[in-house]
């Protein structure tokens, strides 16, 4: 399953809810202000690293959104950066897509 989170972890608890529900093999894609979650030293770094390691969940972030916020050089190790084409591929390759609002 592909989980899409577009809200900042400072604004809403969408990412926390998503991480609780995501099952092994899922992918979490962070877009818009959701990309604030993948910054080194950020509030979500430890939880995301644990999630990637323990549940084998892939975490991706939309590159143009990282770049627009000046965060492209400060991304947590292990997070895959995707462009719009990669976003489309993730959606097309997923049997189910859940957007967390």
C-alpha atoms as a PDB file:
ATOM      1  CA  UNK A   1       0.000   0.000   0.000  1.00  0.00           C
ATOM      2  CA  UNK A   2       1.118   3.531  -0.734  1.00  0.00           C
ATOM      3  CA  UNK A   3       0.484   6.058   2.049  1.00  0.00           C
ATOM      4  CA  UNK A   4       0.660   9.736   1.068  1.00  0.00           C
ATOM      5  CA  UNK A   5       1.167  12.371   3.769  1.00  0.00           C
ATOM      6  CA  UNK A   6       1.127  16.037   2.830  1.00  0.00           C
ATOM      7  CA  UNK A   7       0.842  17.722   6.239  1.00  0.00           C
ATOM      8  CA  UNK A   8       3.742  18.914   8.359  1.00  0.00           C
ATOM      9  CA  UNK A   9       4.391  16.921  11.542  1.00  0.00           C
ATOM     10  CA  UNK A  10       4.325  20.317  13.294  1.00  0.00           C
ATOM     11  CA  UNK A  11       0.786  20.997  12.052  1.00  0.00           C
ATOM     12  CA  UNK A  12      -1.064  17.672  12.323  1.00  0.00           C
ATOM     13  CA  UNK A  13      -0.595  14.120  13.536  1.00  0.00           C
ATOM     14  CA  UNK A  14      -1.236  12.622  10.069  1.00  0.00           C
ATOM     15  CA  UNK A  15       2.216  11.059   9.857  1.00  0.00           C
ATOM     16  CA  UNK A  16       1.949   9.533  13.329  1.00  0.00           C
ATOM     17  CA  UNK A  17      -1.397   7.962  12.421  1.00  0.00           C
ATOM     18  CA  UNK A  18       0.010   6.729   9.138  1.00  0.00           C
ATOM     19  CA  UNK A  19       3.048   5.149  10.804  1.00  0.00           C
ATOM     20  CA  UNK A  20       0.820   3.287  13.287  1.00  0.00           C
ATOM     21  CA  UNK A  21      -1.282   1.819  10.479  1.00  0.00           C
ATOM     22  CA  UNK A  22       1.391   1.126   7.849  1.00  0.00           C
ATOM     23  CA  UNK A  23       2.150  -2.545   7.421  1.00  0.00           C
ATOM     24  CA  UNK A  24       5.374  -4.254   6.408  1.00  0.00           C
ATOM     25  CA  UNK A  25       6.148  -3.711   2.745  1.00  0.00           C
ATOM     26  CA  UNK A  26       4.223  -0.445   2.515  1.00  0.00           C
ATOM     27  CA  UNK A  27       5.594   2.819   1.180  1.00  0.00           C
ATOM     28  CA  UNK A  28       5.099   6.237   2.748  1.00  0.00           C
ATOM     29  CA  UNK A  29       5.396   9.183   0.369  1.00  0.00           C
ATOM     30  CA  UNK A  30       5.782  12.633   1.884  1.00  0.00           C
ATOM     31  CA  UNK A  31       4.675  15.579  -0.229  1.00  0.00           C
ATOM     32  CA  UNK A  32       4.062  19.301   0.240  1.00  0.00           C
ATOM     33  CA  UNK A  33       4.695  20.251   3.911  1.00  0.00           C
ATOM     34  CA  UNK A  34       4.892  16.574   4.824  1.00  0.00           C
ATOM     35  CA  UNK A  35       8.517  16.651   3.666  1.00  0.00           C
ATOM     36  CA  UNK A  36       9.440  18.503   6.874  1.00  0.00           C
ATOM     37  CA  UNK A  37       9.301  15.071   8.543  1.00  0.00           C
ATOM     38  CA  UNK A  38      12.365  13.761   6.689  1.00  0.00           C
ATOM     39  CA  UNK A  39      14.878  16.369   7.842  1.00  0.00           C
ATOM     40  CA  UNK A  40      17.922  15.295   9.811  1.00  0.00           C
ATOM     41  CA  UNK A  41      17.500  16.194  13.470  1.00  0.00           C
ATOM     42  CA  UNK A  42      13.767  16.750  13.010  1.00  0.00           C
ATOM     43  CA  UNK A  43      10.970  15.623  15.293  1.00  0.00           C
ATOM     44  CA  UNK A  44      10.177  12.587  13.143  1.00  0.00           C
ATOM     45  CA  UNK A  45      13.696  11.356  12.359  1.00  0.00           C
ATOM     46  CA  UNK A  46      13.934   8.677  15.056  1.00  0.00           C
ATOM     47  CA  UNK A  47      10.419   7.326  14.427  1.00  0.00           C
ATOM     48  CA  UNK A  48      10.960   7.160  10.667  1.00  0.00           C
ATOM     49  CA  UNK A  49      14.328   5.417  11.026  1.00  0.00           C
ATOM     50  CA  UNK A  50      12.799   2.866  13.403  1.00  0.00           C
ATOM     51  CA  UNK A  51       9.878   2.318  11.051  1.00  0.00           C
ATOM     52  CA  UNK A  52      12.146   1.760   8.049  1.00  0.00           C
ATOM     53  CA  UNK A  53      14.279  -0.714   9.996  1.00  0.00           C
ATOM     54  CA  UNK A  54      11.677  -2.643  11.971  1.00  0.00           C
ATOM     55  CA  UNK A  55       8.756  -2.877   9.555  1.00  0.00           C
ATOM     56  CA  UNK A  56      10.749  -2.655   6.338  1.00  0.00           C
ATOM     57  CA  UNK A  57       8.656   0.274   5.166  1.00  0.00           C
ATOM     58  CA  UNK A  58      10.003   2.466   2.384  1.00  0.00           C
ATOM     59  CA  UNK A  59       9.938   6.201   2.942  1.00  0.00           C
ATOM     60  CA  UNK A  60       9.997   8.534  -0.045  1.00  0.00           C
ATOM     61  CA  UNK A  61       9.847  12.297  -0.330  1.00  0.00           C
ATOM     62  CA  UNK A  62       8.900  14.401  -3.313  1.00  0.00           C
ATOM     63  CA  UNK A  63      12.110  16.056  -4.508  1.00  0.00           C
ATOM     64  CA  UNK A  64      10.513  19.269  -5.884  1.00  0.00           C
ATOM     65  CA  UNK A  65       8.834  19.875  -2.498  1.00  0.00           C
ATOM     66  CA  UNK A  66      12.125  19.328  -0.649  1.00  0.00           C
ATOM     67  CA  UNK A  67      13.887  21.665  -3.029  1.00  0.00           C
ATOM     68  CA  UNK A  68      11.169  24.343  -2.772  1.00  0.00           C
ATOM     69  CA  UNK A  69      11.606  24.363   1.016  1.00  0.00           C
ATOM     70  CA  UNK A  70      15.413  24.424   0.895  1.00  0.00           C
ATOM     71  CA  UNK A  71      15.706  20.998   2.507  1.00  0.00           C
ATOM     72  CA  UNK A  72      17.132  18.877  -0.301  1.00  0.00           C
ATOM     73  CA  UNK A  73      20.568  18.626   1.372  1.00  0.00           C
ATOM     74  CA  UNK A  74      19.261  17.736   4.827  1.00  0.00           C
ATOM     75  CA  UNK A  75      17.327  14.504   4.240  1.00  0.00           C
ATOM     76  CA  UNK A  76      17.480  11.498   6.579  1.00  0.00           C
ATOM     77  CA  UNK A  77      19.619   8.640   5.264  1.00  0.00           C
ATOM     78  CA  UNK A  78      17.509   5.914   3.701  1.00  0.00           C
ATOM     79  CA  UNK A  79      14.763   8.215   2.413  1.00  0.00           C
ATOM     80  CA  UNK A  80      14.312   7.921  -1.328  1.00  0.00           C
ATOM     81  CA  UNK A  81      13.758  11.167  -3.186  1.00  0.00           C
ATOM     82  CA  UNK A  82      11.373  10.969  -6.150  1.00  0.00           C
ATOM     83  CA  UNK A  83      10.346  13.413  -8.851  1.00  0.00           C
ATOM     84  CA  UNK A  84       6.828  13.757 -10.264  1.00  0.00           C
ATOM     85  CA  UNK A  85       7.401  10.808 -12.600  1.00  0.00           C
ATOM     86  CA  UNK A  86       8.454   8.723  -9.598  1.00  0.00           C
ATOM     87  CA  UNK A  87       5.306   9.832  -7.783  1.00  0.00           C
ATOM     88  CA  UNK A  88       3.193   8.597 -10.696  1.00  0.00           C
ATOM     89  CA  UNK A  89       5.127   5.307 -10.765  1.00  0.00           C
ATOM     90  CA  UNK A  90       4.515   4.749  -7.031  1.00  0.00           C
ATOM     91  CA  UNK A  91       0.783   5.291  -7.480  1.00  0.00           C
ATOM     92  CA  UNK A  92       0.603   3.099 -10.594  1.00  0.00           C
ATOM     93  CA  UNK A  93       2.571   0.288  -8.937  1.00  0.00           C
ATOM     94  CA  UNK A  94       0.419   0.249  -5.783  1.00  0.00           C
ATOM     95  CA  UNK A  95      -2.736  -1.796  -5.456  1.00  0.00           C
ATOM     96  CA  UNK A  96      -4.075   0.652  -2.852  1.00  0.00           C
ATOM     97  CA  UNK A  97      -3.357   4.305  -2.080  1.00  0.00           C
ATOM     98  CA  UNK A  98      -4.286   6.063   1.170  1.00  0.00           C
ATOM     99  CA  UNK A  99      -3.982   9.828   1.579  1.00  0.00           C
ATOM    100  CA  UNK A 100      -3.608  11.022   5.159  1.00  0.00           C
ATOM    101  CA  UNK A 101      -5.170  14.432   5.721  1.00  0.00           C
END
